[in-house]
Amino acid sequence: MGIGAGIFLIVVGAILTFAVNVSSDAVNLDLIGWIMMGAGLVALLVGLIMNAQRSNTSHREVVERRERGTEPPPA
């Protein structure tokens, strides 16, 4: 999951927790909303950590050079 998915889960969880006022004996929408907000927060933190690690990588270019005079003369 990335940063966008984490934000999406937080938003949907907040809507279920704070904006929906439907009572049901089978499903507790408040609890589902809190779980979705927690999962969204975890996904957001993991996405931010992965982006931070990706930007700290270093790249090194290796160039092989062959000196003239070190090759054996052609036969």
Protein backbone atom coordinates (compact mmCIF):
# COMPACT_ATOMS: atom_id res chain seq x y z
CA MET A 1 0.00 0.00 0.00
CA GLY A 2 1.14 3.48 -0.63
CA ILE A 3 0.53 6.90 0.77
CA GLY A 4 -2.67 7.37 -1.23
CA ALA A 5 -4.19 4.12 0.02
CA GLY A 6 -3.38 5.08 3.60
CA ILE A 7 -5.08 8.46 3.22
CA PHE A 8 -8.08 6.76 1.61
CA LEU A 9 -8.44 4.32 4.52
CA ILE A 10 -8.19 7.14 7.05
CA VAL A 11 -10.88 9.17 5.27
CA VAL A 12 -13.30 6.26 4.84
CA GLY A 13 -12.74 5.17 8.44
CA ALA A 14 -13.41 8.69 9.72
CA ILE A 15 -16.61 8.86 7.68
CA LEU A 16 -17.80 5.53 9.10
CA THR A 17 -16.90 6.52 12.65
CA PHE A 18 -18.08 10.12 12.85
CA ALA A 19 -20.62 10.72 10.06
CA VAL A 20 -22.67 7.55 9.71
CA ASN A 21 -25.36 7.16 12.36
CA VAL A 22 -26.78 3.76 11.50
CA SER A 23 -27.24 1.22 14.26
CA SER A 24 -27.04 -2.46 13.50
CA ASP A 25 -26.82 -5.49 15.76
CA ALA A 26 -24.70 -7.44 13.28
CA VAL A 27 -22.06 -4.82 12.42
CA ASN A 28 -20.49 -2.11 14.57
CA LEU A 29 -19.62 0.60 12.05
CA ASP A 30 -17.81 2.69 14.66
CA LEU A 31 -15.38 -0.14 15.37
CA ILE A 32 -14.85 -0.80 11.66
CA GLY A 33 -14.15 2.90 11.16
CA TRP A 34 -11.55 2.96 13.95
CA ILE A 35 -9.89 -0.17 12.54
CA MET A 36 -9.77 1.38 9.06
CA MET A 37 -8.26 4.60 10.45
CA GLY A 38 -5.60 2.57 12.29
CA ALA A 39 -4.78 0.54 9.19
CA GLY A 40 -4.63 3.76 7.15
CA LEU A 41 -2.22 5.30 9.63
CA VAL A 42 0.04 2.24 9.46
CA ALA A 43 -0.08 2.25 5.64
CA LEU A 44 0.71 5.97 5.59
CA LEU A 45 3.72 5.55 7.89
CA VAL A 46 5.04 2.58 5.91
CA GLY A 47 4.67 4.52 2.67
CA LEU A 48 6.52 7.51 4.08
CA ILE A 49 9.35 5.31 5.40
CA MET A 50 9.67 3.55 2.04
CA ASN A 51 9.85 6.90 0.22
CA ALA A 52 12.51 8.15 2.63
CA GLN A 53 14.62 5.05 2.04
CA ARG A 54 14.20 5.33 -1.72
CA SER A 55 15.47 8.91 -1.76
CA ASN A 56 18.58 8.03 0.29
CA THR A 57 20.00 5.54 -2.18
CA SER A 58 23.21 6.44 -3.95
CA HIS A 59 24.20 5.47 -7.44
CA ARG A 60 27.75 5.00 -8.61
CA GLU A 61 28.82 4.78 -12.20
CA VAL A 62 31.69 2.41 -12.96
CA VAL A 63 33.72 3.10 -16.10
CA GLU A 64 36.35 0.64 -17.25
CA ARG A 65 39.23 2.19 -19.14
CA ARG A 66 41.86 0.34 -21.08
CA GLU A 67 45.28 1.91 -21.39
CA ARG A 68 47.01 1.85 -24.75
CA GLY A 69 50.24 -0.05 -24.73
CA THR A 70 49.09 -2.67 -22.24
CA GLU A 71 47.54 -4.84 -24.93
CA PRO A 72 49.79 -7.35 -26.70
CA PRO A 73 50.70 -6.30 -30.25
CA PRO A 74 48.61 -7.85 -33.02
CA ALA A 75 50.10 -10.95 -34.62
